[in-house]
Every structure is written in C-alpha cells, then in structure tokens.
C-alpha cells in the first residue's frame, strides 16, 4: 500500500502521525521472541467472535509500546474535538498524543523487551469498527521482526507524552465523556478507581 496512510479505508478518523513514524505497515507486538506463523483465533474476551488474525498499523503501533497486560489510556485530537477538550487535554505546543499508564507498571515497562513482527499487508483488510486494526481469515507468516528495548525512550523519540498516574481511571472517566479520539487497552487490569477505595 506504499508509504501513505490509507485513511480512506478506515471506519473512523485515525490518530495523528508521530515523529519518525515511517511507512505504512502492519504489526503484531509480543514479548515472545519465537513467533513466526500467526493463525486465526477467537479472543478470550469475545468467545462468539469470528476467528481472525489481528494486526495494528504503523500509525497506531504506539498503542502497543507497553507490556502486553499493562492497562493504558491513549488519546489524540480529531476533527470533532472541541476547543474546550483541546484546552483540557492538550497544552498549546505540546504533544498531540498522550498515553497514560499506572506507576505500578513502570518497572515492568522499563524492563520490557518487545518483538514487533511485521505481517504481510496484502493479506489483511481494515477492521470494520476499530480504526487502525486490520484482520485476516487465514494463517500468515511474519515477513520481518524488530526488537524494541526502550519503551519509555520510544515514546519520547516519537514526541508522544507518557504520563504516569496511580490509577488510570480518573483520566479515563474524563476521556469517556469527551470529544477526543481514544483507545483504552487492558483496562480490566487497572488499579482500583480512587472513588472505590476506603
């Protein structure tokens, strides 16, 4: 598909590009160094779903620059983001992509080594509901692998703001009622909401 991002194929507006993004490609991120062949599977969280191989494109790959089970909330402005939400979440001249993780995961984040497996783009189609995710019905072989050692440094180099919070929930509660683009991953692993403590 070339170096240009295929925004017209996606079901929703994508995140903005980041520093050093590179050409369009499809990826699977894992802490397992021994993967090579990817077979369709049913997610444990959705046992009635169709078996699929899932991939994420380069534009949205930063959503996976974390240990697999680390809860995180990721946001960016989109065309419908209100002026109020831009002022609330994004300071003028600062990063326009923000990732929030919990302090309890920081040591694992710093120690984590990820393997980014590049998958053959021609085998995939865009997911019809989730922007930046791509799926296929047949097994595929990885066509490349990259090693990522410094996840915090990767965020810094990409000019993506990485925030460390005791709990992701106060931030996520604001995001859920806002006009920003967002993605929340592994939120079931998040620390208890402060409102539920005591």
N, C-alpha and C. Protein backbone atom coordinates (compact mmCIF):
# COMPACT_ATOMS: atom_id res chain seq x y z
N UNK A 1 0.81 -1.21 0.00
CA UNK A 1 0.00 0.00 0.00
C UNK A 1 0.86 1.27 0.00
N UNK A 2 2.16 1.11 0.03
CA UNK A 2 3.02 2.26 -0.07
C UNK A 2 3.19 2.98 1.25
N UNK A 3 3.86 4.14 1.18
CA UNK A 3 4.21 4.87 2.38
C UNK A 3 3.07 5.73 2.91
N UNK A 4 2.03 5.99 2.10
CA UNK A 4 0.96 6.88 2.50
C UNK A 4 -0.08 6.13 3.34
N UNK A 5 -0.57 6.80 4.37
CA UNK A 5 -1.53 6.15 5.25
C UNK A 5 -2.90 6.06 4.58
N UNK A 6 -3.51 4.87 4.52
CA UNK A 6 -4.78 4.68 3.79
C UNK A 6 -6.00 5.08 4.64
N UNK A 7 -6.06 6.35 5.00
CA UNK A 7 -7.11 6.84 5.88
C UNK A 7 -8.50 6.57 5.32
N UNK A 8 -8.63 6.62 4.00
CA UNK A 8 -9.95 6.45 3.37
C UNK A 8 -10.53 5.05 3.58
N UNK A 9 -9.71 4.09 3.99
CA UNK A 9 -10.19 2.71 4.18
C UNK A 9 -10.72 2.46 5.59
N UNK A 10 -10.47 3.37 6.51
CA UNK A 10 -10.75 3.10 7.91
C UNK A 10 -12.16 3.53 8.31
N UNK A 11 -12.72 2.87 9.33
CA UNK A 11 -14.08 3.20 9.77
C UNK A 11 -14.15 4.46 10.62
N UNK A 12 -13.01 4.96 11.08
CA UNK A 12 -13.03 6.20 11.85
C UNK A 12 -11.72 6.94 11.63
N UNK A 13 -11.72 8.20 12.00
CA UNK A 13 -10.56 9.06 11.80
C UNK A 13 -9.35 8.53 12.57
N UNK A 14 -8.20 8.43 11.93
CA UNK A 14 -7.04 7.86 12.62
C UNK A 14 -6.38 8.86 13.57
N UNK A 15 -5.48 8.35 14.39
CA UNK A 15 -4.64 9.20 15.21
C UNK A 15 -3.73 10.02 14.32
N UNK A 16 -3.23 11.16 14.82
CA UNK A 16 -2.27 11.94 14.02
C UNK A 16 -0.93 11.22 13.92
N UNK A 17 -0.14 11.53 12.91
CA UNK A 17 1.19 10.90 12.80
C UNK A 17 2.09 11.33 13.95
N UNK A 18 3.10 10.53 14.21
CA UNK A 18 4.05 10.84 15.26
C UNK A 18 5.44 10.99 14.66
N UNK A 19 6.34 11.56 15.43
CA UNK A 19 7.71 11.80 14.97
C UNK A 19 8.39 10.47 14.60
N UNK A 20 8.93 10.40 13.40
CA UNK A 20 9.63 9.20 12.96
C UNK A 20 8.73 8.03 12.65
N UNK A 21 7.50 8.30 12.29
CA UNK A 21 6.51 7.22 12.11
C UNK A 21 6.93 6.17 11.10
N UNK A 22 7.44 6.56 9.97
CA UNK A 22 7.84 5.57 8.96
C UNK A 22 6.66 5.16 8.08
N UNK A 23 6.91 4.29 7.12
CA UNK A 23 5.89 3.91 6.14
C UNK A 23 4.80 3.02 6.73
N UNK A 24 3.69 2.99 6.05
CA UNK A 24 2.59 2.11 6.43
C UNK A 24 3.06 0.66 6.42
N UNK A 25 2.72 -0.05 7.48
CA UNK A 25 2.98 -1.49 7.59
C UNK A 25 2.04 -2.03 8.65
N UNK A 26 1.94 -3.35 8.72
CA UNK A 26 1.10 -3.99 9.73
C UNK A 26 1.97 -4.80 10.68
N UNK A 27 1.61 -4.77 11.98
CA UNK A 27 2.46 -5.31 13.02
C UNK A 27 1.68 -6.13 14.03
N UNK A 28 2.40 -7.07 14.63
CA UNK A 28 1.94 -7.76 15.84
C UNK A 28 3.04 -7.60 16.87
N UNK A 29 2.68 -7.09 18.06
CA UNK A 29 3.65 -6.88 19.13
C UNK A 29 3.52 -7.97 20.17
N UNK A 30 4.65 -8.49 20.61
CA UNK A 30 4.64 -9.58 21.58
C UNK A 30 5.92 -9.56 22.39
N UNK A 31 5.86 -10.12 23.60
CA UNK A 31 7.07 -10.34 24.39
C UNK A 31 7.69 -11.70 24.09
N UNK A 32 7.09 -12.44 23.18
CA UNK A 32 7.57 -13.76 22.78
C UNK A 32 8.48 -13.63 21.55
N UNK A 33 9.75 -14.02 21.66
CA UNK A 33 10.66 -13.88 20.53
C UNK A 33 10.56 -14.98 19.49
N UNK A 34 9.71 -15.97 19.73
CA UNK A 34 9.74 -17.17 18.89
C UNK A 34 8.56 -17.27 17.92
N UNK A 35 7.79 -16.22 17.75
CA UNK A 35 6.64 -16.29 16.86
C UNK A 35 7.09 -16.19 15.40
N UNK A 36 6.26 -16.69 14.53
CA UNK A 36 6.56 -16.60 13.11
C UNK A 36 5.31 -16.78 12.28
N UNK A 37 4.50 -17.76 12.66
CA UNK A 37 3.26 -18.03 11.95
C UNK A 37 2.09 -17.61 12.85
N UNK A 38 1.15 -16.88 12.27
CA UNK A 38 0.00 -16.36 13.02
C UNK A 38 -1.27 -16.97 12.46
N UNK A 39 -2.01 -17.64 13.35
CA UNK A 39 -3.24 -18.34 12.95
C UNK A 39 -4.46 -17.61 13.49
N UNK A 40 -5.58 -17.67 12.77
CA UNK A 40 -6.81 -17.04 13.28
C UNK A 40 -7.19 -17.62 14.64
N UNK A 41 -7.64 -16.75 15.54
CA UNK A 41 -8.04 -17.20 16.86
C UNK A 41 -9.23 -16.37 17.34
N UNK A 42 -9.93 -16.90 18.32
CA UNK A 42 -11.07 -16.21 18.92
C UNK A 42 -10.58 -15.54 20.20
N UNK A 43 -10.79 -14.23 20.36
CA UNK A 43 -10.36 -13.55 21.60
C UNK A 43 -11.06 -14.13 22.82
N UNK A 44 -10.30 -14.28 23.90
CA UNK A 44 -10.89 -14.81 25.14
C UNK A 44 -12.00 -13.92 25.66
N UNK A 45 -11.91 -12.62 25.36
CA UNK A 45 -12.92 -11.68 25.84
C UNK A 45 -14.18 -11.65 24.98
N UNK A 46 -14.16 -12.37 23.84
CA UNK A 46 -15.33 -12.38 22.95
C UNK A 46 -15.44 -13.75 22.31
N UNK A 47 -15.89 -14.75 23.08
CA UNK A 47 -15.84 -16.14 22.60
C UNK A 47 -16.76 -16.45 21.42
N UNK A 48 -17.68 -15.55 21.08
CA UNK A 48 -18.56 -15.79 19.92
C UNK A 48 -18.05 -15.12 18.65
N UNK A 49 -16.89 -14.47 18.74
CA UNK A 49 -16.35 -13.75 17.58
C UNK A 49 -15.80 -14.71 16.55
N UNK A 50 -15.69 -14.22 15.32
CA UNK A 50 -15.08 -14.98 14.24
C UNK A 50 -13.59 -15.12 14.49
N UNK A 51 -13.00 -16.28 14.24
CA UNK A 51 -11.54 -16.42 14.38
C UNK A 51 -10.82 -15.54 13.35
N UNK A 52 -9.89 -14.74 13.81
CA UNK A 52 -9.17 -13.81 12.95
C UNK A 52 -7.72 -13.69 13.40
N UNK A 53 -6.87 -13.31 12.45
CA UNK A 53 -5.54 -12.81 12.79
C UNK A 53 -5.66 -11.29 12.85
N UNK A 54 -5.15 -10.71 13.94
CA UNK A 54 -5.24 -9.27 14.16
C UNK A 54 -3.86 -8.62 13.97
N UNK A 55 -3.87 -7.42 13.42
CA UNK A 55 -2.65 -6.63 13.28
C UNK A 55 -3.00 -5.17 13.54
N UNK A 56 -1.99 -4.38 13.84
CA UNK A 56 -2.16 -2.94 14.01
C UNK A 56 -1.24 -2.24 13.03
N UNK A 57 -1.69 -1.11 12.49
CA UNK A 57 -0.85 -0.43 11.51
C UNK A 57 0.16 0.49 12.20
N UNK A 58 1.12 0.95 11.41
CA UNK A 58 2.21 1.75 11.96
C UNK A 58 1.70 2.98 12.70
N UNK A 59 0.69 3.64 12.15
CA UNK A 59 0.17 4.85 12.78
C UNK A 59 -0.31 4.59 14.21
N UNK A 60 -0.89 3.42 14.44
CA UNK A 60 -1.45 3.11 15.75
C UNK A 60 -0.57 2.15 16.56
N UNK A 61 0.61 1.82 16.04
CA UNK A 61 1.51 0.93 16.75
C UNK A 61 1.89 1.42 18.15
N UNK A 62 2.01 2.76 18.38
CA UNK A 62 2.36 3.20 19.74
C UNK A 62 1.39 2.74 20.83
N UNK A 63 0.17 2.40 20.46
CA UNK A 63 -0.77 1.87 21.45
C UNK A 63 -0.25 0.59 22.08
N UNK A 64 0.71 -0.06 21.41
CA UNK A 64 1.24 -1.34 21.87
C UNK A 64 2.69 -1.24 22.35
N UNK A 65 3.17 -0.04 22.58
CA UNK A 65 4.51 0.14 23.13
C UNK A 65 4.48 0.02 24.64
N UNK A 66 3.95 -1.08 25.13
CA UNK A 66 3.77 -1.36 26.55
C UNK A 66 3.90 -2.86 26.76
N UNK A 67 4.17 -3.30 28.00
CA UNK A 67 3.99 -4.72 28.29
C UNK A 67 2.56 -5.13 27.94
N UNK A 68 2.39 -6.35 27.47
CA UNK A 68 1.09 -6.79 26.93
C UNK A 68 -0.08 -6.49 27.86
N UNK A 69 0.04 -6.79 29.14
CA UNK A 69 -1.10 -6.70 30.05
C UNK A 69 -1.19 -5.36 30.77
N UNK A 70 -0.34 -4.42 30.41
CA UNK A 70 -0.33 -3.12 31.07
C UNK A 70 -1.58 -2.31 30.71
N UNK A 71 -2.35 -1.86 31.70
CA UNK A 71 -3.51 -1.01 31.38
C UNK A 71 -3.05 0.38 30.98
N UNK A 72 -3.67 0.92 29.94
CA UNK A 72 -3.29 2.26 29.49
C UNK A 72 -4.45 2.91 28.74
N UNK A 73 -4.46 4.23 28.85
CA UNK A 73 -5.42 5.04 28.11
C UNK A 73 -4.67 5.96 27.17
N UNK A 74 -5.07 5.97 25.91
CA UNK A 74 -4.35 6.72 24.87
C UNK A 74 -5.33 7.66 24.18
N UNK A 75 -4.93 8.93 24.02
CA UNK A 75 -5.84 9.90 23.39
C UNK A 75 -5.11 10.74 22.37
N UNK A 76 -5.91 11.36 21.48
CA UNK A 76 -5.41 12.29 20.47
C UNK A 76 -6.58 13.15 20.00
N UNK A 77 -6.32 14.34 19.48
CA UNK A 77 -7.41 15.16 18.95
C UNK A 77 -7.84 14.67 17.57
N UNK A 78 -9.12 14.83 17.27
CA UNK A 78 -9.68 14.53 15.96
C UNK A 78 -10.45 15.76 15.48
N UNK A 79 -11.01 15.67 14.29
CA UNK A 79 -11.63 16.86 13.69
C UNK A 79 -12.82 17.37 14.50
N UNK A 80 -13.49 16.50 15.26
CA UNK A 80 -14.66 16.92 16.04
C UNK A 80 -14.30 17.28 17.48
N UNK A 81 -13.02 17.24 17.84
CA UNK A 81 -12.63 17.58 19.20
C UNK A 81 -12.90 19.06 19.46
N UNK A 82 -13.61 19.34 20.53
CA UNK A 82 -14.00 20.71 20.85
C UNK A 82 -12.80 21.53 21.33
N UNK A 83 -12.94 22.85 21.25
CA UNK A 83 -11.89 23.73 21.75
C UNK A 83 -11.67 23.51 23.24
N UNK A 84 -12.77 23.28 23.96
CA UNK A 84 -12.67 23.04 25.39
C UNK A 84 -11.85 21.79 25.70
N UNK A 85 -12.08 20.72 24.93
CA UNK A 85 -11.32 19.49 25.16
C UNK A 85 -9.87 19.63 24.72
N UNK A 86 -9.61 20.40 23.68
CA UNK A 86 -8.23 20.64 23.30
C UNK A 86 -7.49 21.37 24.43
N UNK A 87 -8.17 22.33 25.03
CA UNK A 87 -7.55 23.07 26.13
C UNK A 87 -7.41 22.21 27.38
N UNK A 88 -8.37 21.32 27.61
CA UNK A 88 -8.35 20.48 28.81
C UNK A 88 -7.26 19.41 28.73
N UNK A 89 -7.08 18.81 27.54
CA UNK A 89 -6.17 17.67 27.43
C UNK A 89 -4.82 18.00 26.80
N UNK A 90 -4.79 18.96 25.88
CA UNK A 90 -3.58 19.20 25.08
C UNK A 90 -3.12 20.64 25.24
N UNK A 91 -1.99 20.84 25.90
CA UNK A 91 -1.45 22.17 26.07
C UNK A 91 -0.93 22.69 24.73
N UNK A 92 -1.06 24.00 24.47
CA UNK A 92 -0.54 24.56 23.21
C UNK A 92 0.94 24.25 23.02
N UNK A 93 1.28 23.76 21.85
CA UNK A 93 2.66 23.46 21.54
C UNK A 93 3.19 22.17 22.11
N UNK A 94 2.36 21.45 22.87
CA UNK A 94 2.78 20.19 23.47
C UNK A 94 2.40 19.03 22.56
N UNK A 95 2.59 17.82 23.06
CA UNK A 95 2.27 16.62 22.27
C UNK A 95 0.79 16.55 21.97
N UNK A 96 0.45 16.02 20.79
CA UNK A 96 -0.96 15.82 20.49
C UNK A 96 -1.36 14.34 20.55
N UNK A 97 -0.46 13.54 21.13
CA UNK A 97 -0.83 12.18 21.50
C UNK A 97 -0.36 11.97 22.94
N UNK A 98 -1.26 11.49 23.78
CA UNK A 98 -0.98 11.31 25.20
C UNK A 98 -1.31 9.89 25.60
N UNK A 99 -0.39 9.23 26.28
CA UNK A 99 -0.61 7.89 26.81
C UNK A 99 -0.48 7.95 28.32
N UNK A 100 -1.45 7.39 29.03
CA UNK A 100 -1.44 7.37 30.49
C UNK A 100 -1.35 5.93 30.96
N UNK A 101 -0.37 5.65 31.80
CA UNK A 101 -0.22 4.32 32.39
C UNK A 101 -0.09 4.48 33.90
N UNK A 102 -0.09 3.37 34.61
CA UNK A 102 -0.05 3.40 36.06
C UNK A 102 1.37 3.17 36.59
N UNK A 103 1.68 3.87 37.70
CA UNK A 103 3.01 3.75 38.28
C UNK A 103 3.38 2.34 38.68
N UNK A 104 2.38 1.53 39.02
CA UNK A 104 2.65 0.15 39.40
C UNK A 104 3.20 -0.70 38.27
N UNK A 105 3.10 -0.20 37.05
CA UNK A 105 3.61 -0.92 35.88
C UNK A 105 4.93 -0.37 35.36
N UNK A 106 5.44 0.70 35.99
CA UNK A 106 6.59 1.38 35.42
C UNK A 106 7.83 0.48 35.36
N UNK A 107 8.10 -0.28 36.43
CA UNK A 107 9.28 -1.15 36.43
C UNK A 107 9.19 -2.18 35.31
N UNK A 108 7.99 -2.74 35.11
CA UNK A 108 7.82 -3.71 34.02
C UNK A 108 7.97 -3.04 32.66
N UNK A 109 7.50 -1.80 32.56
CA UNK A 109 7.65 -1.04 31.32
C UNK A 109 9.14 -0.85 31.01
N UNK A 110 9.91 -0.48 32.01
CA UNK A 110 11.33 -0.20 31.81
C UNK A 110 12.12 -1.47 31.48
N UNK A 111 11.66 -2.61 31.98
CA UNK A 111 12.39 -3.86 31.76
C UNK A 111 11.92 -4.62 30.53
N UNK A 112 10.82 -4.19 29.95
CA UNK A 112 10.16 -4.97 28.89
C UNK A 112 10.96 -4.94 27.58
N UNK A 113 11.08 -6.09 26.96
CA UNK A 113 11.59 -6.19 25.59
C UNK A 113 10.45 -6.69 24.72
N UNK A 114 10.14 -5.92 23.69
CA UNK A 114 9.08 -6.29 22.76
C UNK A 114 9.67 -6.74 21.43
N UNK A 115 8.91 -7.60 20.76
CA UNK A 115 9.24 -8.04 19.41
C UNK A 115 8.10 -7.60 18.50
N UNK A 116 8.43 -6.78 17.53
CA UNK A 116 7.45 -6.28 16.58
C UNK A 116 7.55 -7.11 15.31
N UNK A 117 6.54 -7.93 15.08
CA UNK A 117 6.50 -8.80 13.90
C UNK A 117 5.76 -8.07 12.77
N UNK A 118 6.41 -7.90 11.65
CA UNK A 118 5.74 -7.28 10.50
C UNK A 118 5.00 -8.36 9.72
N UNK A 119 3.74 -8.08 9.42
CA UNK A 119 2.88 -9.04 8.74
C UNK A 119 2.57 -8.57 7.33
N UNK A 120 2.25 -9.49 6.41
CA UNK A 120 2.04 -9.12 5.01
C UNK A 120 0.75 -8.33 4.82
N UNK A 121 0.86 -7.04 4.49
CA UNK A 121 -0.30 -6.15 4.42
C UNK A 121 -1.33 -6.61 3.41
N UNK A 122 -0.87 -7.24 2.34
CA UNK A 122 -1.82 -7.62 1.28
C UNK A 122 -2.81 -8.68 1.73
N UNK A 123 -2.52 -9.37 2.83
CA UNK A 123 -3.43 -10.42 3.31
C UNK A 123 -4.55 -9.87 4.19
N UNK A 124 -4.47 -8.59 4.58
CA UNK A 124 -5.36 -8.04 5.58
C UNK A 124 -6.36 -7.04 5.00
N UNK A 125 -7.45 -6.86 5.73
CA UNK A 125 -8.44 -5.83 5.44
C UNK A 125 -8.66 -5.01 6.72
N UNK A 126 -9.12 -3.76 6.59
CA UNK A 126 -9.37 -2.98 7.80
C UNK A 126 -10.51 -3.60 8.62
N UNK A 127 -10.38 -3.57 9.93
CA UNK A 127 -11.49 -3.97 10.78
C UNK A 127 -12.62 -2.97 10.57
N UNK A 128 -13.86 -3.46 10.55
CA UNK A 128 -14.97 -2.59 10.18
C UNK A 128 -15.47 -1.69 11.31
N UNK A 129 -14.89 -1.80 12.49
CA UNK A 129 -15.35 -0.96 13.60
C UNK A 129 -14.22 -0.22 14.29
N UNK A 130 -13.03 -0.79 14.30
CA UNK A 130 -11.93 -0.23 15.10
C UNK A 130 -10.85 0.30 14.17
N UNK A 131 -10.67 1.60 14.15
CA UNK A 131 -9.67 2.21 13.28
C UNK A 131 -8.25 1.85 13.67
N UNK A 132 -7.43 1.54 12.68
CA UNK A 132 -6.04 1.20 12.94
C UNK A 132 -5.78 -0.28 13.11
N UNK A 133 -6.85 -1.07 13.22
CA UNK A 133 -6.72 -2.51 13.37
C UNK A 133 -7.10 -3.18 12.05
N UNK A 134 -6.38 -4.24 11.74
CA UNK A 134 -6.56 -4.95 10.47
C UNK A 134 -6.69 -6.44 10.77
N UNK A 135 -7.45 -7.14 9.94
CA UNK A 135 -7.73 -8.56 10.22
C UNK A 135 -7.64 -9.38 8.94
N UNK A 136 -7.39 -10.67 9.13
CA UNK A 136 -7.49 -11.61 8.01
C UNK A 136 -7.98 -12.95 8.54
N UNK A 137 -8.49 -13.78 7.62
CA UNK A 137 -9.12 -15.04 7.99
C UNK A 137 -8.20 -16.24 7.90
N UNK A 138 -7.04 -16.07 7.30
CA UNK A 138 -6.15 -17.19 7.02
C UNK A 138 -4.84 -17.04 7.80
N UNK A 139 -4.15 -18.14 8.04
CA UNK A 139 -2.82 -18.04 8.68
C UNK A 139 -1.87 -17.23 7.82
N UNK A 140 -0.99 -16.49 8.48
CA UNK A 140 0.02 -15.71 7.76
C UNK A 140 1.38 -15.91 8.43
N UNK A 141 2.42 -15.72 7.64
CA UNK A 141 3.79 -15.79 8.14
C UNK A 141 4.33 -14.36 8.29
N UNK A 142 5.01 -14.11 9.39
CA UNK A 142 5.67 -12.82 9.57
C UNK A 142 6.72 -12.64 8.48
N UNK A 143 6.86 -11.41 8.01
CA UNK A 143 7.84 -11.10 6.96
C UNK A 143 9.02 -10.30 7.53
N UNK A 144 9.02 -10.09 8.83
CA UNK A 144 10.12 -9.39 9.47
C UNK A 144 9.91 -9.31 10.97
N UNK A 145 10.99 -8.99 11.69
CA UNK A 145 10.89 -8.85 13.14
C UNK A 145 11.86 -7.79 13.61
N UNK A 146 11.40 -6.90 14.48
CA UNK A 146 12.25 -5.87 15.07
C UNK A 146 12.21 -6.01 16.58
N UNK A 147 13.31 -5.70 17.23
CA UNK A 147 13.41 -5.77 18.69
C UNK A 147 13.31 -4.37 19.26
N UNK A 148 12.46 -4.21 20.28
CA UNK A 148 12.27 -2.91 20.93
C UNK A 148 12.60 -3.07 22.40
N UNK A 149 13.62 -2.36 22.87
CA UNK A 149 14.09 -2.48 24.24
C UNK A 149 13.67 -1.33 25.15
N UNK A 150 13.60 -0.14 24.63
CA UNK A 150 13.40 1.06 25.45
C UNK A 150 12.04 1.68 25.14
N UNK A 151 10.99 1.21 25.82
CA UNK A 151 9.64 1.67 25.51
C UNK A 151 9.41 3.11 25.93
N UNK A 152 9.99 3.51 27.06
CA UNK A 152 9.86 4.90 27.50
C UNK A 152 10.59 5.82 26.52
N UNK A 153 11.80 5.44 26.14
CA UNK A 153 12.55 6.22 25.17
C UNK A 153 11.87 6.28 23.81
N UNK A 154 11.19 5.22 23.45
CA UNK A 154 10.46 5.19 22.18
C UNK A 154 9.36 6.24 22.18
N UNK A 155 8.64 6.34 23.29
CA UNK A 155 7.62 7.38 23.42
C UNK A 155 8.24 8.77 23.28
N UNK A 156 9.35 8.98 23.98
CA UNK A 156 10.00 10.29 23.94
C UNK A 156 10.44 10.65 22.52
N UNK A 157 11.05 9.70 21.82
CA UNK A 157 11.50 9.95 20.47
C UNK A 157 10.37 10.23 19.50
N UNK A 158 9.20 9.65 19.76
CA UNK A 158 8.03 9.85 18.91
C UNK A 158 7.25 11.11 19.28
N UNK A 159 7.69 11.82 20.31
CA UNK A 159 7.00 13.01 20.83
C UNK A 159 5.58 12.68 21.26
N UNK A 160 5.43 11.52 21.89
CA UNK A 160 4.17 11.11 22.50
C UNK A 160 4.33 11.28 24.01
N UNK A 161 3.44 12.05 24.61
CA UNK A 161 3.55 12.30 26.04
C UNK A 161 3.13 11.07 26.82
N UNK A 162 4.01 10.59 27.68
CA UNK A 162 3.74 9.43 28.53
C UNK A 162 3.56 9.92 29.96
N UNK A 163 2.36 9.73 30.49
CA UNK A 163 2.05 10.16 31.85
C UNK A 163 1.97 8.93 32.76
N UNK A 164 2.44 9.11 33.98
CA UNK A 164 2.41 8.05 34.99
C UNK A 164 1.44 8.47 36.08
N UNK A 165 0.43 7.67 36.33
CA UNK A 165 -0.59 8.00 37.33
C UNK A 165 -0.78 6.83 38.29
N UNK A 166 -1.26 7.08 39.52
CA UNK A 166 -1.55 5.98 40.44
C UNK A 166 -2.63 5.05 39.89
N UNK A 167 -3.63 5.64 39.24
CA UNK A 167 -4.71 4.87 38.61
C UNK A 167 -5.07 5.55 37.30
N UNK A 168 -5.39 4.76 36.30
CA UNK A 168 -5.77 5.33 35.01
C UNK A 168 -7.22 5.80 35.00
N UNK A 169 -8.02 5.38 36.00
CA UNK A 169 -9.46 5.63 35.96
C UNK A 169 -9.88 7.09 36.02
N UNK A 170 -9.30 7.94 36.87
CA UNK A 170 -9.72 9.35 36.84
C UNK A 170 -9.54 9.99 35.47
N UNK A 171 -8.41 9.71 34.82
CA UNK A 171 -8.18 10.20 33.46
C UNK A 171 -9.21 9.61 32.50
N UNK A 172 -9.43 8.31 32.59
CA UNK A 172 -10.32 7.65 31.64
C UNK A 172 -11.76 8.11 31.79
N UNK A 173 -12.15 8.44 33.00
CA UNK A 173 -13.52 8.94 33.21
C UNK A 173 -13.73 10.26 32.47
N UNK A 174 -12.70 11.12 32.46
CA UNK A 174 -12.79 12.36 31.70
C UNK A 174 -12.83 12.09 30.20
N UNK A 175 -11.99 11.16 29.76
CA UNK A 175 -11.91 10.85 28.33
C UNK A 175 -13.23 10.32 27.80
N UNK A 176 -13.89 9.45 28.58
CA UNK A 176 -15.10 8.77 28.12
C UNK A 176 -16.24 9.74 27.80
N UNK A 177 -16.23 10.91 28.41
CA UNK A 177 -17.28 11.89 28.16
C UNK A 177 -16.79 13.08 27.33
N UNK A 178 -15.67 12.88 26.62
CA UNK A 178 -15.06 13.97 25.86
C UNK A 178 -15.25 13.75 24.36
N UNK A 179 -14.64 14.66 23.59
CA UNK A 179 -14.73 14.58 22.12
C UNK A 179 -13.39 14.19 21.49
N UNK A 180 -12.45 13.69 22.28
CA UNK A 180 -11.15 13.29 21.74
C UNK A 180 -11.22 11.89 21.14
N UNK A 181 -10.28 11.57 20.28
CA UNK A 181 -10.09 10.20 19.85
C UNK A 181 -9.38 9.43 20.95
N UNK A 182 -9.70 8.16 21.12
CA UNK A 182 -9.11 7.43 22.24
C UNK A 182 -9.07 5.94 21.99
N UNK A 183 -8.21 5.28 22.75
CA UNK A 183 -8.15 3.82 22.79
C UNK A 183 -7.72 3.43 24.19
N UNK A 184 -8.49 2.55 24.82
CA UNK A 184 -8.15 2.03 26.13
C UNK A 184 -7.84 0.55 26.03
N UNK A 185 -6.71 0.14 26.54
CA UNK A 185 -6.30 -1.26 26.44
C UNK A 185 -6.02 -1.84 27.82
N UNK A 186 -6.44 -3.08 28.01
CA UNK A 186 -6.21 -3.84 29.25
C UNK A 186 -6.69 -3.08 30.48
N UNK A 187 -7.79 -2.34 30.34
CA UNK A 187 -8.27 -1.55 31.47
C UNK A 187 -8.79 -2.43 32.60
N UNK A 188 -9.14 -3.67 32.31
CA UNK A 188 -9.56 -4.58 33.38
C UNK A 188 -8.43 -4.88 34.35
N UNK A 189 -7.18 -4.59 33.94
CA UNK A 189 -6.04 -4.80 34.81
C UNK A 189 -5.67 -3.57 35.63
N UNK A 190 -6.42 -2.50 35.47
CA UNK A 190 -6.07 -1.25 36.12
C UNK A 190 -6.29 -1.32 37.63
N UNK A 191 -5.56 -0.45 38.34
CA UNK A 191 -5.74 -0.35 39.79
C UNK A 191 -7.15 0.15 40.10
N UNK A 192 -7.61 -0.13 41.31
CA UNK A 192 -8.95 0.29 41.70
C UNK A 192 -9.12 1.79 41.55
N UNK A 193 -10.30 2.18 41.13
CA UNK A 193 -10.62 3.58 41.00
C UNK A 193 -10.57 4.23 42.38
N UNK A 194 -9.94 5.42 42.51
CA UNK A 194 -9.87 6.05 43.82
C UNK A 194 -11.23 6.24 44.49
N UNK A 195 -12.29 6.41 43.72
CA UNK A 195 -13.63 6.57 44.31
C UNK A 195 -14.09 5.31 45.00
N UNK A 196 -13.46 4.18 44.67
CA UNK A 196 -13.88 2.89 45.24
C UNK A 196 -13.03 2.48 46.41
N UNK A 197 -12.05 3.29 46.77
CA UNK A 197 -11.17 2.97 47.88
C UNK A 197 -11.75 3.51 49.19
N UNK A 198 -11.32 2.92 50.29
CA UNK A 198 -11.74 3.46 51.58
C UNK A 198 -12.47 2.45 52.42
